[in-house]
N, C-alpha and C. Protein backbone atom coordinates (compact mmCIF):
# COMPACT_ATOMS: atom_id res chain seq x y z
N MET A 1 -29.39 8.42 7.44
CA MET A 1 -28.91 7.38 7.33
C MET A 1 -29.46 5.98 6.45
N ILE A 2 -28.38 5.38 6.02
CA ILE A 2 -29.24 4.20 5.24
C ILE A 2 -29.38 2.28 5.76
N SER A 3 -30.37 1.95 6.23
CA SER A 3 -30.16 0.58 7.01
C SER A 3 -29.62 -0.28 5.28
N VAL A 4 -29.56 -1.20 6.09
CA VAL A 4 -28.65 -1.83 5.10
C VAL A 4 -30.68 -3.19 4.20
N SER A 5 -31.14 -3.23 4.94
CA SER A 5 -32.39 -3.95 4.81
C SER A 5 -33.36 -2.94 3.36
N ARG A 6 -33.04 -1.32 3.77
CA ARG A 6 -33.15 -0.43 2.73
C ARG A 6 -32.13 -0.95 1.66
N ILE A 7 -30.96 -0.84 1.44
CA ILE A 7 -29.57 -1.31 0.55
C ILE A 7 -30.56 -2.25 -0.66
N THR A 8 -31.14 -3.77 0.10
CA THR A 8 -31.15 -4.40 -0.36
C THR A 8 -32.55 -4.29 -0.87
N VAL A 9 -33.32 -4.04 0.08
CA VAL A 9 -34.84 -3.71 -0.86
C VAL A 9 -34.21 -2.64 -2.19
N ASN A 10 -34.17 -1.75 -2.17
CA ASN A 10 -33.10 -1.00 -3.37
C ASN A 10 -32.84 -2.10 -4.08
N ALA A 11 -32.03 -2.60 -4.19
CA ALA A 11 -31.24 -3.99 -4.58
C ALA A 11 -31.75 -4.55 -5.70
N THR A 12 -32.46 -4.72 -5.24
CA THR A 12 -33.47 -5.79 -5.99
C THR A 12 -35.22 -5.44 -6.30
N ALA A 13 -34.77 -4.40 -6.08
CA ALA A 13 -36.01 -3.44 -7.26
C ALA A 13 -35.67 -3.21 -8.35
N SER A 14 -34.48 -2.50 -7.78
CA SER A 14 -33.20 -1.78 -9.48
C SER A 14 -33.36 -3.00 -10.65
N ALA A 15 -33.02 -3.91 -9.88
CA ALA A 15 -32.90 -5.17 -10.54
C ALA A 15 -33.68 -6.28 -11.09
N ALA A 16 -34.87 -5.47 -10.82
CA ALA A 16 -36.10 -5.93 -11.50
C ALA A 16 -36.56 -4.98 -12.14
N GLY A 17 -35.20 -3.93 -12.79
CA GLY A 17 -36.20 -3.24 -13.85
C GLY A 17 -37.74 -1.74 -13.03
N LYS A 18 -37.41 -1.95 -11.86
CA LYS A 18 -38.97 -1.64 -11.08
C LYS A 18 -38.13 0.00 -10.83
N SER A 19 -39.01 0.89 -9.73
CA SER A 19 -38.69 2.34 -9.41
C SER A 19 -37.93 1.51 -8.23
N SER A 20 -36.70 2.35 -8.12
CA SER A 20 -36.31 2.11 -6.54
C SER A 20 -36.56 2.46 -5.02
N CYS A 21 -38.34 3.26 -5.24
CA CYS A 21 -38.89 3.53 -4.57
C CYS A 21 -40.43 2.37 -4.20
N THR A 22 -40.23 2.80 -3.09
CA THR A 22 -41.22 1.68 -2.32
C THR A 22 -42.75 2.12 -1.51
N ASP A 23 -44.06 1.60 -2.02
CA ASP A 23 -44.51 1.61 -1.00
C ASP A 23 -44.65 2.62 0.14
N TRP A 24 -43.75 1.30 1.16
CA TRP A 24 -43.69 1.91 1.94
C TRP A 24 -42.50 3.55 2.42
N ASP A 25 -41.46 3.51 1.68
CA ASP A 25 -41.34 5.39 0.76
C ASP A 25 -42.22 6.42 0.68
N ARG A 26 -43.62 5.64 0.08
CA ARG A 26 -44.21 7.03 -0.55
C ARG A 26 -45.31 7.03 0.69
N LEU A 27 -45.73 5.65 1.86
CA LEU A 27 -46.86 6.21 2.61
C LEU A 27 -45.88 7.40 3.81
N PHE A 28 -44.98 7.03 3.92
CA PHE A 28 -44.31 8.17 4.80
C PHE A 28 -43.68 9.28 4.53
N GLY A 29 -44.40 9.57 2.60
CA GLY A 29 -43.85 11.15 2.16
C GLY A 29 -42.61 11.44 1.91
N LEU A 30 -41.51 10.16 1.25
CA LEU A 30 -40.66 10.36 1.29
C LEU A 30 -40.68 10.79 -0.29
N ASP A 31 -39.76 12.09 -0.81
CA ASP A 31 -40.31 12.33 -2.41
C ASP A 31 -38.79 12.63 -3.50
N TYR A 32 -38.86 11.45 -2.27
CA TYR A 32 -36.88 11.07 -3.20
C TYR A 32 -36.76 9.33 -3.02
N CYS A 33 -35.82 8.61 -3.60
CA CYS A 33 -35.14 7.54 -3.24
C CYS A 33 -34.06 7.49 -3.76
N VAL A 34 -33.37 6.74 -2.75
CA VAL A 34 -31.43 6.81 -3.31
C VAL A 34 -31.32 5.48 -3.99
N GLY A 35 -31.04 5.42 -5.04
CA GLY A 35 -30.99 4.61 -6.15
C GLY A 35 -29.65 3.68 -5.40
N TYR A 36 -30.18 1.89 -5.79
CA TYR A 36 -28.15 0.94 -5.44
C TYR A 36 -27.67 1.85 -6.77
N SER A 37 -27.96 1.80 -7.35
CA SER A 37 -26.40 2.13 -8.07
C SER A 37 -25.54 3.47 -7.75
N ILE A 38 -26.62 4.63 -7.23
CA ILE A 38 -26.33 5.59 -6.59
C ILE A 38 -25.19 5.00 -5.60
N VAL A 39 -25.53 4.31 -4.68
CA VAL A 39 -25.44 4.04 -3.37
C VAL A 39 -23.79 3.04 -3.46
N ARG A 40 -24.64 1.64 -3.97
CA ARG A 40 -23.52 1.23 -4.53
C ARG A 40 -21.97 1.87 -4.79
N HIS A 41 -22.09 2.71 -6.25
CA HIS A 41 -21.28 3.46 -6.41
C HIS A 41 -20.21 4.41 -5.56
N SER A 42 -21.27 5.01 -4.60
CA SER A 42 -20.95 5.66 -3.63
C SER A 42 -19.59 4.95 -2.69
N MET A 43 -20.57 3.27 -2.27
CA MET A 43 -19.50 3.26 -1.47
C MET A 43 -18.34 2.68 -1.88
N GLN A 44 -18.28 2.14 -3.20
CA GLN A 44 -17.05 1.75 -3.71
C GLN A 44 -16.95 2.69 -3.93
N HIS A 45 -16.38 4.02 -3.92
CA HIS A 45 -15.39 6.04 -3.63
C HIS A 45 -15.38 5.19 -2.71
N THR A 46 -16.40 4.99 -1.26
CA THR A 46 -15.21 5.14 -0.30
C THR A 46 -13.79 4.04 -0.16
N ASN A 47 -14.35 2.98 -0.82
CA ASN A 47 -13.36 1.66 -0.04
C ASN A 47 -12.55 1.78 -0.82
N GLN A 48 -12.24 2.77 -1.78
CA GLN A 48 -10.79 2.92 -3.40
C GLN A 48 -10.18 4.33 -2.43
N SER A 49 -11.23 4.89 -1.91
CA SER A 49 -10.34 6.08 -0.93
C SER A 49 -9.23 5.53 0.00
N LEU A 50 -9.97 4.61 0.75
CA LEU A 50 -9.74 4.08 1.66
C LEU A 50 -8.41 3.19 1.56
N LEU A 51 -8.93 2.06 0.45
CA LEU A 51 -7.77 1.82 0.12
C LEU A 51 -6.26 2.48 -0.77
N ASP A 52 -6.96 3.71 -1.32
CA ASP A 52 -5.46 4.17 -1.95
C ASP A 52 -4.69 5.14 -0.25
N THR A 53 -5.44 4.49 0.29
CA THR A 53 -4.77 5.46 2.06
C THR A 53 -4.15 4.16 3.02
N LEU A 54 -4.54 3.48 2.96
CA LEU A 54 -3.91 2.12 4.40
C LEU A 54 -2.87 1.35 3.48
N VAL A 55 -3.08 1.19 1.94
CA VAL A 55 -2.02 0.70 0.94
C VAL A 55 -0.17 0.45 1.52
N PRO A 56 -0.07 2.03 1.13
CA PRO A 56 1.15 2.71 1.24
C PRO A 56 0.94 3.24 3.13
N GLU A 57 0.37 2.57 3.75
CA GLU A 57 0.90 2.67 5.44
C GLU A 57 0.97 1.22 5.50
N ILE A 58 0.19 -0.18 5.34
CA ILE A 58 0.97 -1.72 4.83
C ILE A 58 2.33 -1.73 4.58
N ARG A 59 2.73 -0.63 3.47
CA ARG A 59 3.79 -0.94 2.70
C ARG A 59 5.03 -0.13 2.90
N ARG A 60 4.39 0.90 3.29
CA ARG A 60 5.80 1.34 4.76
C ARG A 60 6.47 0.92 5.42
N GLY A 61 6.06 -0.16 5.88
CA GLY A 61 7.38 -0.69 7.28
C GLY A 61 7.87 -1.61 6.36
N GLY A 62 7.57 -2.24 5.04
CA GLY A 62 8.57 -3.36 4.21
C GLY A 62 9.37 -2.76 3.60
N ILE A 63 8.53 -1.03 2.83
CA ILE A 63 10.05 -0.82 2.58
C ILE A 63 11.79 -0.83 2.51
N VAL A 64 11.60 -0.60 4.63
CA VAL A 64 12.76 -0.43 4.83
C VAL A 64 13.33 -1.79 4.27
N LEU A 65 12.37 -2.97 5.26
CA LEU A 65 13.69 -3.74 5.25
C LEU A 65 13.42 -4.49 3.78
N ALA A 66 12.72 -4.54 3.23
CA ALA A 66 12.56 -4.70 0.76
C ALA A 66 14.74 -3.40 0.87
N VAL A 67 13.98 -2.77 1.18
CA VAL A 67 15.55 -1.86 0.52
C VAL A 67 17.08 -2.01 1.21
N LEU A 68 17.12 -2.66 2.55
CA LEU A 68 18.75 -3.68 3.29
C LEU A 68 18.37 -4.37 2.25
N ALA A 69 17.00 -5.82 2.50
CA ALA A 69 17.39 -7.40 1.58
C ALA A 69 18.19 -6.72 0.37
N GLY A 70 18.26 -5.71 -0.50
CA GLY A 70 18.24 -6.24 -1.90
C GLY A 70 19.46 -5.06 -1.60
N LEU A 71 20.36 -4.69 -0.81
CA LEU A 71 21.28 -4.07 -0.28
C LEU A 71 22.57 -5.48 -0.14
N LYS A 72 22.75 -6.27 -0.30
CA LYS A 72 24.03 -6.83 0.42
C LYS A 72 25.32 -6.99 -0.78
N GLN A 73 24.99 -6.67 -1.73
CA GLN A 73 26.38 -6.20 -2.54
C GLN A 73 25.99 -4.73 -3.26
N GLU A 74 27.01 -3.46 -3.48
CA GLU A 74 26.68 -2.73 -3.85
C GLU A 74 25.44 -2.13 -5.19
N GLU A 75 25.18 -1.22 -4.48
CA GLU A 75 24.10 -0.88 -5.74
C GLU A 75 23.78 0.32 -6.14
N TYR A 76 23.94 1.31 -7.26
CA TYR A 76 23.18 2.56 -6.72
C TYR A 76 21.88 2.38 -7.40
N GLY A 77 21.48 4.16 -6.67
CA GLY A 77 19.62 4.07 -6.73
C GLY A 77 19.12 3.04 -7.22
N TYR A 78 19.28 3.66 -8.66
CA TYR A 78 18.70 3.29 -10.09
C TYR A 78 18.36 1.81 -10.55
N SER A 79 19.45 1.19 -10.17
CA SER A 79 20.00 0.51 -10.45
C SER A 79 19.30 -1.29 -8.94
N LEU A 80 18.57 -0.42 -7.64
CA LEU A 80 18.58 -1.13 -7.01
C LEU A 80 16.34 -0.48 -6.96
N LYS A 81 16.19 0.33 -6.98
CA LYS A 81 14.55 0.73 -7.55
C LYS A 81 14.54 -0.39 -8.85
N ARG A 82 15.57 -0.48 -9.83
CA ARG A 82 14.80 -1.88 -11.32
C ARG A 82 14.66 -2.99 -10.27
N TRP A 83 15.70 -3.83 -9.71
CA TRP A 83 15.67 -4.59 -8.33
C TRP A 83 14.15 -5.28 -8.18
N LEU A 84 14.89 -4.47 -6.94
CA LEU A 84 13.30 -4.34 -6.44
C LEU A 84 11.88 -4.56 -7.59
N ALA A 85 11.51 -3.69 -8.41
CA ALA A 85 10.69 -3.73 -9.43
C ALA A 85 10.42 -5.11 -9.68
N ASP A 86 12.03 -5.46 -9.69
CA ASP A 86 11.44 -7.14 -10.48
C ASP A 86 11.54 -7.88 -9.47
N HIS A 87 11.23 -7.98 -8.12
CA HIS A 87 10.79 -8.67 -6.95
C HIS A 87 9.09 -8.19 -6.44
N GLY A 88 8.29 -7.54 -7.46
CA GLY A 88 7.46 -6.96 -7.38
C GLY A 88 6.90 -5.82 -6.57
N VAL A 89 8.06 -5.27 -5.80
CA VAL A 89 8.09 -3.87 -4.98
C VAL A 89 9.01 -2.51 -6.14
N GLU A 90 7.46 -1.79 -6.25
CA GLU A 90 7.82 -0.83 -6.94
C GLU A 90 8.21 0.64 -5.55
N ILE A 91 8.54 1.83 -6.12
CA ILE A 91 9.03 2.00 -4.62
C ILE A 91 9.75 3.12 -5.92
N ASP A 92 9.06 4.91 -5.32
CA ASP A 92 9.39 5.98 -6.71
C ASP A 92 10.88 6.22 -5.72
N GLU A 93 11.11 6.80 -6.77
CA GLU A 93 12.78 7.61 -6.60
C GLU A 93 12.47 8.57 -5.29
N GLY A 94 11.61 9.05 -5.19
CA GLY A 94 11.21 10.30 -4.28
C GLY A 94 10.94 9.74 -2.68
N THR A 95 10.93 8.52 -2.78
CA THR A 95 10.94 7.83 -1.75
C THR A 95 12.23 7.07 -1.28
N LEU A 96 12.35 6.52 -2.97
CA LEU A 96 14.45 5.54 -2.05
C LEU A 96 15.65 6.78 -1.97
N TYR A 97 15.51 7.65 -2.35
CA TYR A 97 16.95 8.07 -2.53
C TYR A 97 17.06 8.33 -0.94
N PRO A 98 16.13 9.41 -0.11
CA PRO A 98 15.98 9.87 0.81
C PRO A 98 16.11 8.91 1.85
N LEU A 99 15.76 7.99 1.09
CA LEU A 99 15.67 6.39 2.10
C LEU A 99 16.53 6.02 2.43
N LEU A 100 16.90 5.98 1.71
CA LEU A 100 18.91 5.41 1.63
C LEU A 100 19.84 6.63 2.23
N ARG A 101 19.65 7.69 2.05
CA ARG A 101 20.46 8.47 2.74
C ARG A 101 20.55 8.80 4.41
N ARG A 102 18.90 8.37 4.54
CA ARG A 102 18.64 8.66 6.24
C ARG A 102 19.42 7.38 6.55
N LEU A 103 19.03 6.16 5.99
CA LEU A 103 19.51 5.07 6.17
C LEU A 103 21.15 4.36 6.46
N GLU A 104 21.91 5.59 5.90
CA GLU A 104 23.48 5.52 5.44
C GLU A 104 24.03 6.94 7.06
N SER A 105 22.65 7.75 7.21
CA SER A 105 23.31 8.74 8.50
C SER A 105 22.61 8.33 9.80
N GLN A 106 22.40 6.61 9.32
CA GLN A 106 21.70 6.24 10.75
C GLN A 106 22.67 4.83 11.41
N GLY A 107 23.97 4.87 10.03
CA GLY A 107 24.87 4.06 9.78
C GLY A 107 24.63 2.39 9.87
N LEU A 108 23.76 2.61 8.94
CA LEU A 108 23.10 1.62 8.55
C LEU A 108 24.04 0.17 7.13
N LEU A 109 24.25 2.06 6.56
CA LEU A 109 24.56 1.69 4.75
C LEU A 109 26.60 2.22 4.84
N THR A 110 26.92 1.62 3.44
CA THR A 110 28.58 2.88 3.78
C THR A 110 28.00 3.10 2.19
N SER A 111 28.35 3.88 1.99
CA SER A 111 28.54 4.24 0.16
C SER A 111 29.85 5.33 -0.21
N ARG A 112 29.63 5.11 -1.32
CA ARG A 112 31.04 5.65 -2.55
C ARG A 112 30.26 5.96 -3.31
N TRP A 113 31.53 7.46 -4.55
CA TRP A 113 31.00 7.77 -4.88
C TRP A 113 32.15 7.27 -6.37
N ALA A 114 31.34 6.48 -7.63
CA ALA A 114 32.13 6.34 -9.18
C ALA A 114 30.94 6.87 -9.61
N LEU A 115 32.56 7.05 -10.54
CA LEU A 115 32.44 7.67 -11.85
C LEU A 115 32.26 6.88 -12.92
N GLU A 116 31.17 6.56 -13.51
CA GLU A 116 30.24 5.65 -14.97
C GLU A 116 30.26 6.16 -15.95
N GLU A 117 30.69 5.74 -17.68
CA GLU A 117 29.94 6.63 -18.41
C GLU A 117 29.80 7.41 -17.50
N GLN A 118 30.46 7.94 -18.10
CA GLN A 118 31.23 9.34 -17.38
C GLN A 118 29.59 10.38 -16.45
N ARG A 119 29.10 9.49 -15.74
CA ARG A 119 28.57 10.07 -14.49
C ARG A 119 29.11 9.46 -13.53
N PRO A 120 28.60 10.53 -12.61
CA PRO A 120 28.79 10.47 -11.15
C PRO A 120 27.87 9.10 -10.57
N ARG A 121 28.35 8.22 -9.95
CA ARG A 121 26.96 7.47 -9.37
C ARG A 121 27.29 7.23 -7.89
N ARG A 122 26.83 6.93 -7.04
CA ARG A 122 26.63 7.26 -5.75
C ARG A 122 26.19 4.84 -5.52
N TYR A 123 27.12 4.56 -5.01
CA TYR A 123 26.98 3.59 -4.39
C TYR A 123 26.89 2.94 -3.65
N TYR A 124 25.50 1.93 -2.91
CA TYR A 124 25.18 1.45 -0.87
C TYR A 124 25.64 0.66 -1.28
N ARG A 125 26.28 -0.13 -0.23
CA ARG A 125 26.00 -1.00 0.23
C ARG A 125 25.19 -0.98 1.89
N ARG A 126 24.49 -2.38 2.49
CA ARG A 126 24.67 -2.37 3.91
C ARG A 126 26.10 -2.89 4.45
N ASN A 127 26.04 -2.30 5.33
CA ASN A 127 27.39 -2.13 6.85
C ASN A 127 26.84 -3.83 7.46
N ALA A 128 27.57 -3.77 8.52
CA ALA A 128 27.39 -4.85 10.12
C ALA A 128 26.11 -4.28 10.49
N ALA A 129 26.34 -3.09 11.07
CA ALA A 129 25.01 -2.93 11.68
C ALA A 129 23.50 -3.12 10.41
N GLY A 130 23.58 -2.97 9.16
CA GLY A 130 22.62 -3.14 8.25
C GLY A 130 22.19 -4.64 8.58
N GLU A 131 23.61 -5.76 8.48
CA GLU A 131 22.66 -7.09 8.97
C GLU A 131 22.10 -7.00 9.60
N ALA A 132 23.29 -6.74 10.46
CA ALA A 132 21.74 -7.19 11.69
C ALA A 132 20.44 -6.17 12.20
N LEU A 133 20.16 -5.23 11.55
CA LEU A 133 18.91 -4.75 11.52
C LEU A 133 18.35 -5.94 10.83
N LEU A 134 18.55 -5.81 9.57
CA LEU A 134 18.06 -6.52 8.93
C LEU A 134 17.82 -8.61 9.44
N ARG A 135 19.07 -8.59 10.28
CA ARG A 135 18.16 -10.34 10.75
C ARG A 135 17.24 -9.60 11.61
N ASP A 136 17.32 -8.64 12.36
CA ASP A 136 15.83 -9.03 13.53
C ASP A 136 14.72 -8.09 12.47
N LEU A 137 14.95 -7.48 11.44
CA LEU A 137 13.53 -6.91 10.90
C LEU A 137 12.87 -8.10 10.91
N THR A 138 13.81 -9.29 9.95
CA THR A 138 13.15 -10.22 8.81
C THR A 138 12.26 -10.84 10.56
N ARG A 139 13.24 -11.21 11.41
CA ARG A 139 12.27 -12.09 12.17
C ARG A 139 11.06 -11.67 12.23
N GLU A 140 10.93 -10.01 13.08
CA GLU A 140 10.19 -10.26 13.54
C GLU A 140 9.03 -9.41 12.59
N TRP A 141 9.30 -9.24 10.57
CA TRP A 141 8.83 -9.67 10.40
C TRP A 141 7.89 -10.54 9.80
N LYS A 142 8.33 -11.56 9.69
CA LYS A 142 8.43 -13.17 10.22
C LYS A 142 6.90 -13.36 11.08
N THR A 143 7.06 -13.18 12.47
CA THR A 143 6.51 -13.17 13.03
C THR A 143 4.90 -12.51 12.97
N PHE A 144 5.11 -10.97 13.19
CA PHE A 144 4.27 -10.25 12.47
C PHE A 144 3.26 -10.92 11.19
N THR A 145 4.04 -11.16 10.37
CA THR A 145 2.86 -11.77 8.61
C THR A 145 2.26 -13.01 8.93
N LYS A 146 2.88 -13.42 10.14
CA LYS A 146 2.21 -15.28 10.28
C LYS A 146 1.13 -14.52 11.50
N ASN A 147 1.46 -14.03 12.28
CA ASN A 147 0.02 -13.52 13.73
C ASN A 147 -1.08 -12.63 12.66
N ILE A 148 -0.90 -11.57 11.40
CA ILE A 148 -1.79 -11.26 11.17
C ILE A 148 -2.20 -12.46 10.01
N GLY A 149 -1.53 -13.45 8.99
CA GLY A 149 -2.52 -14.31 8.68
C GLY A 149 -3.44 -15.45 9.46
N GLY A 150 -2.93 -15.46 10.85
CA GLY A 150 -3.89 -16.03 10.93
C GLY A 150 -5.16 -15.53 11.57
N LEU A 151 -5.48 -14.42 11.30
CA LEU A 151 -6.56 -12.93 11.65
C LEU A 151 -7.14 -13.17 10.78
N LEU A 152 -6.53 -13.42 9.61
CA LEU A 152 -7.49 -13.35 8.18
C LEU A 152 -8.22 -14.26 7.88
N PRO A 153 -8.72 -14.72 7.15
CA PRO A 153 -10.39 -15.11 6.09
C PRO A 153 -9.77 -15.72 5.03
């Protein structure tokens, strides 16, 4: 276990261009010392790993809200993906298309097939149930983000 004071000592010693081993380390027979840069790199790696895990969790709840918001008028999958990206919400096609099918099966969207430019496209639009859910989710989202915002520094 490395204490915060130990990391500080090593950071100071390394920054001064000295060995990260202290007299205290040598006195107690420690054969090696962990350099500040190694500890810092490890901590950055851990923070990045956590960030890579937690950011999708934060986004997951907002994606349904964003998709419902984007379907006020008929859109096919790729046009909705572009609209979301233009508004700063990137979504993978492997997430979007199953989500559209799930929202339709839950009775929140209607869809129709159309042949355009010799390609069949499925167009989606939120229905009355989707409108009602969007209003409710928007109210909950605004309350939640206001409350979380009050907790953050």
